[in-house]
Amino acid sequence: KDPRYALAFAGLSDCYALIGFFNYDILPAHEAMSMAKSFALKALEID
């Protein structure tokens, strides 16, 4: 709905960080954490 919604990107980062931290069988931890960092940086790029 809003491709420049920084808070939503930060929210995605938080989700993938927890998936990696708790090692949920959704994604390998290293992949989840890499996505978490990427989404956090995207949010900061916007704001």
ModelCIF file with pLDDT and N, C-alpha, C, O atoms, coordinates in Angstrom:
data_MODEL
#
_entry.id   MODEL 
#
_entity.id                         1 
_entity.type                       polymer 
_entity.pdbx_number_of_molecules   1 
#
_entity_poly.entity_id                      1 
_entity_poly.type                           'polypeptide(L)' 
_entity_poly.nstd_linkage                   no 
_entity_poly.nstd_monomer                   no 
_entity_poly.pdbx_seq_one_letter_code       KDPRYALAFAGLSDCYALIGFFNYDILPAHEAMSMAKSFALKALEID 
_entity_poly.pdbx_seq_one_letter_code_can   KDPRYALAFAGLSDCYALIGFFNYDILPAHEAMSMAKSFALKALEID 
_entity_poly.pdbx_strand_id                 A 
#
loop_
_entity_poly_seq.entity_id 
_entity_poly_seq.num 
_entity_poly_seq.mon_id 
_entity_poly_seq.hetero 
1 1  LYS n 
1 2  ASP n 
1 3  PRO n 
1 4  ARG n 
1 5  TYR n 
1 6  ALA n 
1 7  LEU n 
1 8  ALA n 
1 9  PHE n 
1 10 ALA n 
1 11 GLY n 
1 12 LEU n 
1 13 SER n 
1 14 ASP n 
1 15 CYS n 
1 16 TYR n 
1 17 ALA n 
1 18 LEU n 
1 19 ILE n 
1 20 GLY n 
1 21 PHE n 
1 22 PHE n 
1 23 ASN n 
1 24 TYR n 
1 25 ASP n 
1 26 ILE n 
1 27 LEU n 
1 28 PRO n 
1 29 ALA n 
1 30 HIS n 
1 31 GLU n 
1 32 ALA n 
1 33 MET n 
1 34 SER n 
1 35 MET n 
1 36 ALA n 
1 37 LYS n 
1 38 SER n 
1 39 PHE n 
1 40 ALA n 
1 41 LEU n 
1 42 LYS n 
1 43 ALA n 
1 44 LEU n 
1 45 GLU n 
1 46 ILE n 
1 47 ASP n 
#
_struct_asym.id          A 
_struct_asym.entity_id   1 
#
loop_
_ma_qa_metric.id 
_ma_qa_metric.mode 
_ma_qa_metric.name 
_ma_qa_metric.software_group_id 
_ma_qa_metric.type 
1 global pLDDT . pLDDT 
2 local  pLDDT . pLDDT 
#
_ma_qa_metric_global.metric_id      1 
_ma_qa_metric_global.metric_value   96.51 
_ma_qa_metric_global.model_id       1 
_ma_qa_metric_global.ordinal_id     1 
#
loop_
_ma_qa_metric_local.label_asym_id 
_ma_qa_metric_local.label_comp_id 
_ma_qa_metric_local.label_seq_id 
_ma_qa_metric_local.metric_id 
_ma_qa_metric_local.metric_value 
_ma_qa_metric_local.model_id 
_ma_qa_metric_local.ordinal_id 
A LYS 1  2 98.00 1 1  
A ASP 2  2 98.00 1 2  
A PRO 3  2 98.00 1 3  
A ARG 4  2 98.00 1 4  
A TYR 5  2 98.00 1 5  
A ALA 6  2 98.00 1 6  
A LEU 7  2 97.00 1 7  
A ALA 8  2 98.00 1 8  
A PHE 9  2 98.00 1 9  
A ALA 10 2 98.00 1 10 
A GLY 11 2 98.00 1 11 
A LEU 12 2 98.00 1 12 
A SER 13 2 98.00 1 13 
A ASP 14 2 98.00 1 14 
A CYS 15 2 98.00 1 15 
A TYR 16 2 98.00 1 16 
A ALA 17 2 97.00 1 17 
A LEU 18 2 96.00 1 18 
A ILE 19 2 96.00 1 19 
A GLY 20 2 95.00 1 20 
A PHE 21 2 94.00 1 21 
A PHE 22 2 93.00 1 22 
A ASN 23 2 90.00 1 23 
A TYR 24 2 91.00 1 24 
A ASP 25 2 89.00 1 25 
A ILE 26 2 92.00 1 26 
A LEU 27 2 94.00 1 27 
A PRO 28 2 95.00 1 28 
A ALA 29 2 94.00 1 29 
A HIS 30 2 95.00 1 30 
A GLU 31 2 96.00 1 31 
A ALA 32 2 97.00 1 32 
A MET 33 2 97.00 1 33 
A SER 34 2 97.00 1 34 
A MET 35 2 98.00 1 35 
A ALA 36 2 98.00 1 36 
A LYS 37 2 98.00 1 37 
A SER 38 2 98.00 1 38 
A PHE 39 2 98.00 1 39 
A ALA 40 2 98.00 1 40 
A LEU 41 2 98.00 1 41 
A LYS 42 2 98.00 1 42 
A ALA 43 2 98.00 1 43 
A LEU 44 2 98.00 1 44 
A GLU 45 2 98.00 1 45 
A ILE 46 2 97.00 1 46 
A ASP 47 2 96.00 1 47 
#
loop_
_atom_site.group_PDB 
_atom_site.id 
_atom_site.type_symbol 
_atom_site.label_atom_id 
_atom_site.label_alt_id 
_atom_site.label_comp_id 
_atom_site.label_asym_id 
_atom_site.label_entity_id 
_atom_site.label_seq_id 
_atom_site.pdbx_PDB_ins_code 
_atom_site.Cartn_x 
_atom_site.Cartn_y 
_atom_site.Cartn_z 
_atom_site.occupancy 
_atom_site.B_iso_or_equiv 
_atom_site.pdbx_formal_charge 
_atom_site.auth_seq_id 
_atom_site.auth_comp_id 
_atom_site.auth_asym_id 
_atom_site.auth_atom_id 
_atom_site.pdbx_PDB_model_num 
ATOM 1   N N  . LYS A 1 1  ? 0.826  -1.215  0.000  1.00 98.00 ? 1  LYS A N  1 
ATOM 2   C CA . LYS A 1 1  ? 0.000  0.000   0.000  1.00 98.00 ? 1  LYS A CA 1 
ATOM 3   C C  . LYS A 1 1  ? 0.860  1.265   0.000  1.00 98.00 ? 1  LYS A C  1 
ATOM 4   O O  . LYS A 1 1  ? 0.502  2.272   -0.611 1.00 98.00 ? 1  LYS A O  1 
ATOM 5   N N  . ASP A 1 2  ? 2.002  1.198   0.696  1.00 98.00 ? 2  ASP A N  1 
ATOM 6   C CA . ASP A 1 2  ? 2.906  2.338   0.784  1.00 98.00 ? 2  ASP A CA 1 
ATOM 7   C C  . ASP A 1 2  ? 4.348  1.831   0.767  1.00 98.00 ? 2  ASP A C  1 
ATOM 8   O O  . ASP A 1 2  ? 4.887  1.469   1.813  1.00 98.00 ? 2  ASP A O  1 
ATOM 9   N N  . PRO A 1 3  ? 4.974  1.802   -0.407 1.00 98.00 ? 3  PRO A N  1 
ATOM 10  C CA . PRO A 1 3  ? 6.343  1.279   -0.550 1.00 98.00 ? 3  PRO A CA 1 
ATOM 11  C C  . PRO A 1 3  ? 7.399  2.073   0.225  1.00 98.00 ? 3  PRO A C  1 
ATOM 12  O O  . PRO A 1 3  ? 8.542  1.631   0.343  1.00 98.00 ? 3  PRO A O  1 
ATOM 13  N N  . ARG A 1 4  ? 7.023  3.241   0.752  1.00 98.00 ? 4  ARG A N  1 
ATOM 14  C CA . ARG A 1 4  ? 7.964  4.063   1.525  1.00 98.00 ? 4  ARG A CA 1 
ATOM 15  C C  . ARG A 1 4  ? 7.627  4.048   3.009  1.00 98.00 ? 4  ARG A C  1 
ATOM 16  O O  . ARG A 1 4  ? 7.952  4.991   3.730  1.00 98.00 ? 4  ARG A O  1 
ATOM 17  N N  . TYR A 1 5  ? 6.986  2.999   3.463  1.00 98.00 ? 5  TYR A N  1 
ATOM 18  C CA . TYR A 1 5  ? 6.544  2.902   4.856  1.00 98.00 ? 5  TYR A CA 1 
ATOM 19  C C  . TYR A 1 5  ? 7.677  2.302   5.694  1.00 98.00 ? 5  TYR A C  1 
ATOM 20  O O  . TYR A 1 5  ? 7.771  1.083   5.846  1.00 98.00 ? 5  TYR A O  1 
ATOM 21  N N  . ALA A 1 6  ? 8.516  3.154   6.224  1.00 98.00 ? 6  ALA A N  1 
ATOM 22  C CA . ALA A 1 6  ? 9.712  2.709   6.949  1.00 98.00 ? 6  ALA A CA 1 
ATOM 23  C C  . ALA A 1 6  ? 9.375  1.844   8.158  1.00 98.00 ? 6  ALA A C  1 
ATOM 24  O O  . ALA A 1 6  ? 10.071 0.866   8.431  1.00 98.00 ? 6  ALA A O  1 
ATOM 25  N N  . LEU A 1 7  ? 8.320  2.192   8.883  1.00 97.00 ? 7  LEU A N  1 
ATOM 26  C CA . LEU A 1 7  ? 7.945  1.418   10.066 1.00 97.00 ? 7  LEU A CA 1 
ATOM 27  C C  . LEU A 1 7  ? 7.612  -0.030  9.707  1.00 97.00 ? 7  LEU A C  1 
ATOM 28  O O  . LEU A 1 7  ? 7.928  -0.945  10.467 1.00 97.00 ? 7  LEU A O  1 
ATOM 29  N N  . ALA A 1 8  ? 6.981  -0.239  8.565  1.00 98.00 ? 8  ALA A N  1 
ATOM 30  C CA . ALA A 1 8  ? 6.637  -1.595  8.148  1.00 98.00 ? 8  ALA A CA 1 
ATOM 31  C C  . ALA A 1 8  ? 7.899  -2.398  7.819  1.00 98.00 ? 8  ALA A C  1 
ATOM 32  O O  . ALA A 1 8  ? 7.969  -3.594  8.104  1.00 98.00 ? 8  ALA A O  1 
ATOM 33  N N  . PHE A 1 9  ? 8.889  -1.742  7.221  1.00 98.00 ? 9  PHE A N  1 
ATOM 34  C CA . PHE A 1 9  ? 10.162 -2.423  6.957  1.00 98.00 ? 9  PHE A CA 1 
ATOM 35  C C  . PHE A 1 9  ? 10.858 -2.778  8.274  1.00 98.00 ? 9  PHE A C  1 
ATOM 36  O O  . PHE A 1 9  ? 11.438 -3.856  8.401  1.00 98.00 ? 9  PHE A O  1 
ATOM 37  N N  . ALA A 1 10 ? 10.798 -1.874  9.248  1.00 98.00 ? 10 ALA A N  1 
ATOM 38  C CA . ALA A 1 10 ? 11.367 -2.170  10.569 1.00 98.00 ? 10 ALA A CA 1 
ATOM 39  C C  . ALA A 1 10 ? 10.623 -3.336  11.212 1.00 98.00 ? 10 ALA A C  1 
ATOM 40  O O  . ALA A 1 10 ? 11.226 -4.169  11.889 1.00 98.00 ? 10 ALA A O  1 
ATOM 41  N N  . GLY A 1 11 ? 9.309  -3.389  10.996 1.00 98.00 ? 11 GLY A N  1 
ATOM 42  C CA . GLY A 1 11 ? 8.512  -4.496  11.515 1.00 98.00 ? 11 GLY A CA 1 
ATOM 43  C C  . GLY A 1 11 ? 8.945  -5.823  10.912 1.00 98.00 ? 11 GLY A C  1 
ATOM 44  O O  . GLY A 1 11 ? 9.064  -6.821  11.624 1.00 98.00 ? 11 GLY A O  1 
ATOM 45  N N  . LEU A 1 12 ? 9.182  -5.841  9.601  1.00 98.00 ? 12 LEU A N  1 
ATOM 46  C CA . LEU A 1 12 ? 9.673  -7.056  8.939  1.00 98.00 ? 12 LEU A CA 1 
ATOM 47  C C  . LEU A 1 12 ? 11.019 -7.465  9.523  1.00 98.00 ? 12 LEU A C  1 
ATOM 48  O O  . LEU A 1 12 ? 11.267 -8.648  9.756  1.00 98.00 ? 12 LEU A O  1 
ATOM 49  N N  . SER A 1 13 ? 11.883 -6.490  9.756  1.00 98.00 ? 13 SER A N  1 
ATOM 50  C CA . SER A 1 13 ? 13.186 -6.776  10.349 1.00 98.00 ? 13 SER A CA 1 
ATOM 51  C C  . SER A 1 13 ? 13.027 -7.463  11.702 1.00 98.00 ? 13 SER A C  1 
ATOM 52  O O  . SER A 1 13 ? 13.713 -8.443  11.995 1.00 98.00 ? 13 SER A O  1 
ATOM 53  N N  . ASP A 1 14 ? 12.121 -6.944  12.518 1.00 98.00 ? 14 ASP A N  1 
ATOM 54  C CA . ASP A 1 14 ? 11.893 -7.531  13.841 1.00 98.00 ? 14 ASP A CA 1 
ATOM 55  C C  . ASP A 1 14 ? 11.379 -8.963  13.745 1.00 98.00 ? 14 ASP A C  1 
ATOM 56  O O  . ASP A 1 14 ? 11.764 -9.825  14.535 1.00 98.00 ? 14 ASP A O  1 
ATOM 57  N N  . CYS A 1 15 ? 10.509 -9.208  12.775 1.00 98.00 ? 15 CYS A N  1 
ATOM 58  C CA . CYS A 1 15 ? 9.968  -10.564 12.584 1.00 98.00 ? 15 CYS A CA 1 
ATOM 59  C C  . CYS A 1 15 ? 11.075 -11.554 12.233 1.00 98.00 ? 15 CYS A C  1 
ATOM 60  O O  . CYS A 1 15 ? 11.201 -12.605 12.861 1.00 98.00 ? 15 CYS A O  1 
ATOM 61  N N  . TYR A 1 16 ? 11.870 -11.211 11.231 1.00 98.00 ? 16 TYR A N  1 
ATOM 62  C CA . TYR A 1 16 ? 12.915 -12.140 10.790 1.00 98.00 ? 16 TYR A CA 1 
ATOM 63  C C  . TYR A 1 16 ? 14.014 -12.289 11.845 1.00 98.00 ? 16 TYR A C  1 
ATOM 64  O O  . TYR A 1 16 ? 14.636 -13.346 11.946 1.00 98.00 ? 16 TYR A O  1 
ATOM 65  N N  . ALA A 1 17 ? 14.253 -11.239 12.627 1.00 97.00 ? 17 ALA A N  1 
ATOM 66  C CA . ALA A 1 17 ? 15.239 -11.335 13.704 1.00 97.00 ? 17 ALA A CA 1 
ATOM 67  C C  . ALA A 1 17 ? 14.791 -12.349 14.756 1.00 97.00 ? 17 ALA A C  1 
ATOM 68  O O  . ALA A 1 17 ? 15.602 -13.123 15.265 1.00 97.00 ? 17 ALA A O  1 
ATOM 69  N N  . LEU A 1 18 ? 13.492 -12.340 15.078 1.00 96.00 ? 18 LEU A N  1 
ATOM 70  C CA . LEU A 1 18 ? 12.981 -13.309 16.063 1.00 96.00 ? 18 LEU A CA 1 
ATOM 71  C C  . LEU A 1 18 ? 12.987 -14.723 15.493 1.00 96.00 ? 18 LEU A C  1 
ATOM 72  O O  . LEU A 1 18 ? 13.269 -15.687 16.205 1.00 96.00 ? 18 LEU A O  1 
ATOM 73  N N  . ILE A 1 19 ? 12.674 -14.841 14.201 1.00 96.00 ? 19 ILE A N  1 
ATOM 74  C CA . ILE A 1 19 ? 12.710 -16.161 13.554 1.00 96.00 ? 19 ILE A CA 1 
ATOM 75  C C  . ILE A 1 19 ? 14.130 -16.740 13.642 1.00 96.00 ? 19 ILE A C  1 
ATOM 76  O O  . ILE A 1 19 ? 14.319 -17.924 13.922 1.00 96.00 ? 19 ILE A O  1 
ATOM 77  N N  . GLY A 1 20 ? 15.121 -15.874 13.395 1.00 95.00 ? 20 GLY A N  1 
ATOM 78  C CA . GLY A 1 20 ? 16.507 -16.319 13.477 1.00 95.00 ? 20 GLY A CA 1 
ATOM 79  C C  . GLY A 1 20 ? 16.938 -16.601 14.903 1.00 95.00 ? 20 GLY A C  1 
ATOM 80  O O  . GLY A 1 20 ? 17.620 -17.592 15.165 1.00 95.00 ? 20 GLY A O  1 
ATOM 81  N N  . PHE A 1 21 ? 16.540 -15.731 15.832 1.00 94.00 ? 21 PHE A N  1 
ATOM 82  C CA . PHE A 1 21 ? 16.960 -15.868 17.224 1.00 94.00 ? 21 PHE A CA 1 
ATOM 83  C C  . PHE A 1 21 ? 16.388 -17.139 17.862 1.00 94.00 ? 21 PHE A C  1 
ATOM 84  O O  . PHE A 1 21 ? 17.097 -17.872 18.552 1.00 94.00 ? 21 PHE A O  1 
ATOM 85  N N  . PHE A 1 22 ? 15.097 -17.387 17.620 1.00 93.00 ? 22 PHE A N  1 
ATOM 86  C CA . PHE A 1 22 ? 14.456 -18.567 18.205 1.00 93.00 ? 22 PHE A CA 1 
ATOM 87  C C  . PHE A 1 22 ? 14.636 -19.817 17.342 1.00 93.00 ? 22 PHE A C  1 
ATOM 88  O O  . PHE A 1 22 ? 14.197 -20.907 17.708 1.00 93.00 ? 22 PHE A O  1 
ATOM 89  N N  . ASN A 1 23 ? 15.294 -19.639 16.184 1.00 90.00 ? 23 ASN A N  1 
ATOM 90  C CA . ASN A 1 23 ? 15.573 -20.745 15.268 1.00 90.00 ? 23 ASN A CA 1 
ATOM 91  C C  . ASN A 1 23 ? 14.298 -21.485 14.857 1.00 90.00 ? 23 ASN A C  1 
ATOM 92  O O  . ASN A 1 23 ? 14.274 -22.714 14.795 1.00 90.00 ? 23 ASN A O  1 
ATOM 93  N N  . TYR A 1 24 ? 13.238 -20.716 14.578 1.00 91.00 ? 24 TYR A N  1 
ATOM 94  C CA . TYR A 1 24 ? 11.994 -21.317 14.085 1.00 91.00 ? 24 TYR A CA 1 
ATOM 95  C C  . TYR A 1 24 ? 12.258 -21.942 12.714 1.00 91.00 ? 24 TYR A C  1 
ATOM 96  O O  . TYR A 1 24 ? 13.054 -21.426 11.929 1.00 91.00 ? 24 TYR A O  1 
ATOM 97  N N  . ASP A 1 25 ? 11.589 -23.045 12.440 1.00 89.00 ? 25 ASP A N  1 
ATOM 98  C CA . ASP A 1 25 ? 11.837 -23.754 11.175 1.00 89.00 ? 25 ASP A CA 1 
ATOM 99  C C  . ASP A 1 25 ? 11.059 -23.136 10.005 1.00 89.00 ? 25 ASP A C  1 
ATOM 100 O O  . ASP A 1 25 ? 10.344 -23.822 9.274  1.00 89.00 ? 25 ASP A O  1 
ATOM 101 N N  . ILE A 1 26 ? 11.224 -21.830 9.859  1.00 92.00 ? 26 ILE A N  1 
ATOM 102 C CA . ILE A 1 26 ? 10.660 -21.105 8.719  1.00 92.00 ? 26 ILE A CA 1 
ATOM 103 C C  . ILE A 1 26 ? 11.771 -20.844 7.718  1.00 92.00 ? 26 ILE A C  1 
ATOM 104 O O  . ILE A 1 26 ? 11.613 -21.033 6.512  1.00 92.00 ? 26 ILE A O  1 
ATOM 105 N N  . LEU A 1 27 ? 12.905 -20.400 8.260  1.00 94.00 ? 27 LEU A N  1 
ATOM 106 C CA . LEU A 1 27 ? 14.107 -20.134 7.465  1.00 94.00 ? 27 LEU A CA 1 
ATOM 107 C C  . LEU A 1 27 ? 15.319 -20.524 8.303  1.00 94.00 ? 27 LEU A C  1 
ATOM 108 O O  . LEU A 1 27 ? 15.244 -20.520 9.531  1.00 94.00 ? 27 LEU A O  1 
ATOM 109 N N  . PRO A 1 28 ? 16.443 -20.863 7.654  1.00 95.00 ? 28 PRO A N  1 
ATOM 110 C CA . PRO A 1 28 ? 17.684 -21.050 8.418  1.00 95.00 ? 28 PRO A CA 1 
ATOM 111 C C  . PRO A 1 28 ? 18.019 -19.747 9.144  1.00 95.00 ? 28 PRO A C  1 
ATOM 112 O O  . PRO A 1 28 ? 17.760 -18.661 8.626  1.00 95.00 ? 28 PRO A O  1 
ATOM 113 N N  . ALA A 1 29 ? 18.591 -19.858 10.336 1.00 94.00 ? 29 ALA A N  1 
ATOM 114 C CA . ALA A 1 29 ? 18.852 -18.682 11.173 1.00 94.00 ? 29 ALA A CA 1 
ATOM 115 C C  . ALA A 1 29 ? 19.686 -17.628 10.448 1.00 94.00 ? 29 ALA A C  1 
ATOM 116 O O  . ALA A 1 29 ? 19.388 -16.436 10.523 1.00 94.00 ? 29 ALA A O  1 
ATOM 117 N N  . HIS A 1 30 ? 20.743 -18.074 9.736  1.00 95.00 ? 30 HIS A N  1 
ATOM 118 C CA . HIS A 1 30 ? 21.609 -17.101 9.079  1.00 95.00 ? 30 HIS A CA 1 
ATOM 119 C C  . HIS A 1 30 ? 20.866 -16.340 7.978  1.00 95.00 ? 30 HIS A C  1 
ATOM 120 O O  . HIS A 1 30 ? 21.122 -15.158 7.748  1.00 95.00 ? 30 HIS A O  1 
ATOM 121 N N  . GLU A 1 31 ? 19.945 -17.030 7.302  1.00 96.00 ? 31 GLU A N  1 
ATOM 122 C CA . GLU A 1 31 ? 19.163 -16.380 6.239  1.00 96.00 ? 31 GLU A CA 1 
ATOM 123 C C  . GLU A 1 31 ? 18.167 -15.387 6.830  1.00 96.00 ? 31 GLU A C  1 
ATOM 124 O O  . GLU A 1 31 ? 17.988 -14.283 6.316  1.00 96.00 ? 31 GLU A O  1 
ATOM 125 N N  . ALA A 1 32 ? 17.518 -15.805 7.925  1.00 97.00 ? 32 ALA A N  1 
ATOM 126 C CA . ALA A 1 32 ? 16.542 -14.925 8.584  1.00 97.00 ? 32 ALA A CA 1 
ATOM 127 C C  . ALA A 1 32 ? 17.222 -13.667 9.106  1.00 97.00 ? 32 ALA A C  1 
ATOM 128 O O  . ALA A 1 32 ? 16.692 -12.566 8.957  1.00 97.00 ? 32 ALA A O  1 
ATOM 129 N N  . MET A 1 33 ? 18.391 -13.825 9.717  1.00 97.00 ? 33 MET A N  1 
ATOM 130 C CA . MET A 1 33 ? 19.099 -12.671 10.262 1.00 97.00 ? 33 MET A CA 1 
ATOM 131 C C  . MET A 1 33 ? 19.610 -11.742 9.158  1.00 97.00 ? 33 MET A C  1 
ATOM 132 O O  . MET A 1 33 ? 19.637 -10.523 9.325  1.00 97.00 ? 33 MET A O  1 
ATOM 133 N N  . SER A 1 34 ? 20.005 -12.321 8.050  1.00 97.00 ? 34 SER A N  1 
ATOM 134 C CA . SER A 1 34 ? 20.447 -11.513 6.906  1.00 97.00 ? 34 SER A CA 1 
ATOM 135 C C  . SER A 1 34 ? 19.293 -10.668 6.375  1.00 97.00 ? 34 SER A C  1 
ATOM 136 O O  . SER A 1 34 ? 19.474 -9.500  6.030  1.00 97.00 ? 34 SER A O  1 
ATOM 137 N N  . MET A 1 35 ? 18.093 -11.276 6.311  1.00 98.00 ? 35 MET A N  1 
ATOM 138 C CA . MET A 1 35 ? 16.911 -10.535 5.859  1.00 98.00 ? 35 MET A CA 1 
ATOM 139 C C  . MET A 1 35 ? 16.539 -9.454  6.870  1.00 98.00 ? 35 MET A C  1 
ATOM 140 O O  . MET A 1 35 ? 16.139 -8.352  6.494  1.00 98.00 ? 35 MET A O  1 
ATOM 141 N N  . ALA A 1 36 ? 16.675 -9.779  8.160  1.00 98.00 ? 36 ALA A N  1 
ATOM 142 C CA . ALA A 1 36 ? 16.368 -8.800  9.213  1.00 98.00 ? 36 ALA A CA 1 
ATOM 143 C C  . ALA A 1 36 ? 17.250 -7.564  9.059  1.00 98.00 ? 36 ALA A C  1 
ATOM 144 O O  . ALA A 1 36 ? 16.769 -6.436  9.171  1.00 98.00 ? 36 ALA A O  1 
ATOM 145 N N  . LYS A 1 37 ? 18.536 -7.778  8.805  1.00 98.00 ? 37 LYS A N  1 
ATOM 146 C CA . LYS A 1 37 ? 19.456 -6.651  8.635  1.00 98.00 ? 37 LYS A CA 1 
ATOM 147 C C  . LYS A 1 37 ? 19.105 -5.851  7.390  1.00 98.00 ? 37 LYS A C  1 
ATOM 148 O O  . LYS A 1 37 ? 19.130 -4.620  7.401  1.00 98.00 ? 37 LYS A O  1 
ATOM 149 N N  . SER A 1 38 ? 18.779 -6.561  6.317  1.00 98.00 ? 38 SER A N  1 
ATOM 150 C CA . SER A 1 38 ? 18.444 -5.903  5.066  1.00 98.00 ? 38 SER A CA 1 
ATOM 151 C C  . SER A 1 38 ? 17.213 -5.009  5.218  1.00 98.00 ? 38 SER A C  1 
ATOM 152 O O  . SER A 1 38 ? 17.201 -3.880  4.728  1.00 98.00 ? 38 SER A O  1 
ATOM 153 N N  . PHE A 1 39 ? 16.185 -5.508  5.892  1.00 98.00 ? 39 PHE A N  1 
ATOM 154 C CA . PHE A 1 39 ? 14.959 -4.723  6.073  1.00 98.00 ? 39 PHE A CA 1 
ATOM 155 C C  . PHE A 1 39 ? 15.197 -3.526  7.005  1.00 98.00 ? 39 PHE A C  1 
ATOM 156 O O  . PHE A 1 39 ? 14.624 -2.456  6.805  1.00 98.00 ? 39 PHE A O  1 
ATOM 157 N N  . ALA A 1 40 ? 16.041 -3.713  8.017  1.00 98.00 ? 40 ALA A N  1 
ATOM 158 C CA . ALA A 1 40 ? 16.359 -2.600  8.914  1.00 98.00 ? 40 ALA A CA 1 
ATOM 159 C C  . ALA A 1 40 ? 17.084 -1.490  8.152  1.00 98.00 ? 40 ALA A C  1 
ATOM 160 O O  . ALA A 1 40 ? 16.793 -0.308  8.331  1.00 98.00 ? 40 ALA A O  1 
ATOM 161 N N  . LEU A 1 41 ? 18.026 -1.888  7.304  1.00 98.00 ? 41 LEU A N  1 
ATOM 162 C CA . LEU A 1 41 ? 18.766 -0.903  6.505  1.00 98.00 ? 41 LEU A CA 1 
ATOM 163 C C  . LEU A 1 41 ? 17.846 -0.199  5.504  1.00 98.00 ? 41 LEU A C  1 
ATOM 164 O O  . LEU A 1 41 ? 18.018 0.988   5.224  1.00 98.00 ? 41 LEU A O  1 
ATOM 165 N N  . LYS A 1 42 ? 16.870 -0.937  4.967  1.00 98.00 ? 42 LYS A N  1 
ATOM 166 C CA . LYS A 1 42 ? 15.905 -0.336  4.050  1.00 98.00 ? 42 LYS A CA 1 
ATOM 167 C C  . LYS A 1 42 ? 15.073 0.722   4.778  1.00 98.00 ? 42 LYS A C  1 
ATOM 168 O O  . LYS A 1 42 ? 14.818 1.803   4.248  1.00 98.00 ? 42 LYS A O  1 
ATOM 169 N N  . ALA A 1 43 ? 14.659 0.389   5.998  1.00 98.00 ? 43 ALA A N  1 
ATOM 170 C CA . ALA A 1 43 ? 13.884 1.344   6.791  1.00 98.00 ? 43 ALA A CA 1 
ATOM 171 C C  . ALA A 1 43 ? 14.697 2.607   7.057  1.00 98.00 ? 43 ALA A C  1 
ATOM 172 O O  . ALA A 1 43 ? 14.171 3.717   6.979  1.00 98.00 ? 43 ALA A O  1 
ATOM 173 N N  . LEU A 1 44 ? 15.981 2.436   7.371  1.00 98.00 ? 44 LEU A N  1 
ATOM 174 C CA . LEU A 1 44 ? 16.843 3.586   7.653  1.00 98.00 ? 44 LEU A CA 1 
ATOM 175 C C  . LEU A 1 44 ? 17.146 4.393   6.394  1.00 98.00 ? 44 LEU A C  1 
ATOM 176 O O  . LEU A 1 44 ? 17.365 5.603   6.455  1.00 98.00 ? 44 LEU A O  1 
ATOM 177 N N  . GLU A 1 45 ? 17.157 3.711   5.262  1.00 98.00 ? 45 GLU A N  1 
ATOM 178 C CA . GLU A 1 45 ? 17.349 4.415   3.983  1.00 98.00 ? 45 GLU A CA 1 
ATOM 179 C C  . GLU A 1 45 ? 16.188 5.368   3.729  1.00 98.00 ? 45 GLU A C  1 
ATOM 180 O O  . GLU A 1 45 ? 16.370 6.451   3.174  1.00 98.00 ? 45 GLU A O  1 
ATOM 181 N N  . ILE A 1 46 ? 14.999 4.954   4.139  1.00 97.00 ? 46 ILE A N  1 
ATOM 182 C CA . ILE A 1 46 ? 13.804 5.785   3.969  1.00 97.00 ? 46 ILE A CA 1 
ATOM 183 C C  . ILE A 1 46 ? 13.759 6.892   5.014  1.00 97.00 ? 46 ILE A C  1 
ATOM 184 O O  . ILE A 1 46 ? 13.474 8.047   4.699  1.00 97.00 ? 46 ILE A O  1 
ATOM 185 N N  . ASP A 1 47 ? 14.049 6.520   6.278  1.00 96.00 ? 47 ASP A N  1 
ATOM 186 C CA . ASP A 1 47 ? 13.997 7.489   7.374  1.00 96.00 ? 47 ASP A CA 1 
ATOM 187 C C  . ASP A 1 47 ? 15.118 7.185   8.360  1.00 96.00 ? 47 ASP A C  1 
ATOM 188 O O  . ASP A 1 47 ? 15.262 7.881   9.365  1.00 96.00 ? 47 ASP A O  1 
#
